[in-house]
Amino acid sequence: MRKNCNGQFFLLPNRIFDERLSPNEFIVYSFLVRAKDSAGQSFWSVPMIAKSCSMCASTCRKVLRSLESGGYITISKRFIGGEQKSNLYTVNKI
């Protein structure tokens, strides 16, 4: 899973097709793979992920929880100045 230099495409592991993800899980997982940095992390807000994946925020939250329970991602709360900001999403290797 790496990005090329000019950012025109990203790679998904072939194994993802054997994982039996729902269509929404596949879309959000793919988005997080595309959005992650070199450490495998991104901190997009749920509304922005939902908008980018053409789904409502509540569906996106359910999908994120499902991906976390399946071990595909790890969700960590981010605090800046004592306030919780957007979560930190780490894409786990499958």
Protein backbone atom coordinates (compact mmCIF):
# COMPACT_ATOMS: atom_id res chain seq x y z
CA MET A 1 0.00 0.00 0.00
CA ARG A 2 1.97 2.97 -1.19
CA LYS A 3 1.29 6.12 -3.12
CA ASN A 4 3.19 6.94 -6.25
CA CYS A 5 5.19 10.15 -6.49
CA ASN A 6 2.63 12.20 -8.39
CA GLY A 7 -0.42 11.10 -6.37
CA GLN A 8 -2.46 9.95 -9.36
CA PHE A 9 -3.32 6.56 -7.87
CA PHE A 10 -2.96 4.46 -4.75
CA LEU A 11 -2.61 0.74 -4.18
CA LEU A 12 -4.82 -1.57 -2.17
CA PRO A 13 -3.66 -5.00 -1.07
CA ASN A 14 -5.18 -7.74 -3.24
CA ARG A 15 -6.25 -9.53 -0.08
CA ILE A 16 -8.87 -6.85 0.59
CA PHE A 17 -11.13 -8.62 -1.91
CA ASP A 18 -11.00 -11.79 0.22
CA GLU A 19 -12.06 -9.96 3.38
CA ARG A 20 -15.82 -9.86 2.63
CA LEU A 21 -16.20 -6.19 3.45
CA SER A 22 -19.55 -4.54 2.80
CA PRO A 23 -19.58 -1.98 -0.03
CA ASN A 24 -19.56 0.89 2.49
CA GLU A 25 -16.70 -0.67 4.45
CA PHE A 26 -14.72 -1.09 1.24
CA ILE A 27 -15.31 2.55 0.25
CA VAL A 28 -14.29 3.98 3.64
CA TYR A 29 -11.30 1.64 3.96
CA SER A 30 -10.16 2.63 0.46
CA PHE A 31 -10.57 6.31 1.32
CA LEU A 32 -8.48 5.93 4.48
CA VAL A 33 -5.76 4.10 2.54
CA ARG A 34 -5.73 6.94 0.01
CA ALA A 35 -5.70 9.62 2.72
CA LYS A 36 -3.09 8.11 5.04
CA ASP A 37 0.39 9.52 5.51
CA SER A 38 3.64 7.54 5.48
CA ALA A 39 2.90 6.33 9.04
CA GLY A 40 -0.46 4.93 7.90
CA GLN A 41 -2.44 7.62 9.72
CA SER A 42 -4.99 10.27 8.84
CA PHE A 43 -7.14 12.60 10.90
CA TRP A 44 -10.00 13.57 8.63
CA SER A 45 -13.26 14.41 10.39
CA VAL A 46 -16.23 12.05 10.10
CA PRO A 47 -18.27 14.63 8.11
CA MET A 48 -15.42 15.02 5.60
CA ILE A 49 -14.91 11.26 5.26
CA ALA A 50 -18.66 10.81 4.84
CA LYS A 51 -18.88 13.53 2.19
CA SER A 52 -15.90 12.11 0.29
CA CYS A 53 -17.48 8.64 0.38
CA SER A 54 -21.00 9.86 -0.54
CA MET A 55 -22.69 8.69 2.65
CA CYS A 56 -24.26 10.30 5.69
CA ALA A 57 -22.18 10.90 8.80
CA SER A 58 -24.10 8.36 10.92
CA THR A 59 -23.46 5.61 8.35
CA CYS A 60 -19.81 6.62 8.21
CA ARG A 61 -19.51 6.35 12.01
CA LYS A 62 -21.05 2.85 11.94
CA VAL A 63 -18.67 1.81 9.16
CA LEU A 64 -15.64 3.19 11.01
CA ARG A 65 -16.64 1.25 14.16
CA SER A 66 -17.10 -1.89 12.06
CA LEU A 67 -13.68 -1.47 10.43
CA GLU A 68 -12.13 -0.98 13.86
CA SER A 69 -13.83 -4.05 15.34
CA GLY A 70 -12.62 -6.06 12.32
CA GLY A 71 -9.04 -4.93 12.97
CA TYR A 72 -8.70 -3.02 9.69
CA ILE A 73 -8.18 0.34 11.39
CA THR A 74 -7.37 1.70 14.84
CA ILE A 75 -9.22 4.79 16.04
CA SER A 76 -7.54 7.07 18.59
CA LYS A 77 -8.95 10.24 20.09
CA ARG A 78 -6.89 13.39 19.44
CA PHE A 79 -6.75 16.13 22.05
CA ILE A 80 -5.34 19.57 21.32
CA GLY A 81 -5.36 22.15 24.10
CA GLY A 82 -7.52 19.91 26.26
CA GLU A 83 -10.26 19.65 23.62
CA GLN A 84 -11.01 16.58 21.55
CA LYS A 85 -10.45 17.21 17.87
CA SER A 86 -10.99 14.81 14.98
CA ASN A 87 -9.98 11.20 15.59
CA LEU A 88 -6.73 9.72 14.38
CA TYR A 89 -7.29 6.76 12.05
CA THR A 90 -4.46 4.27 11.61
CA VAL A 91 -4.76 1.79 8.74
CA ASN A 92 -3.60 -1.64 9.93
CA LYS A 93 -1.88 -4.13 7.66
CA ILE A 94 -4.10 -6.99 6.57
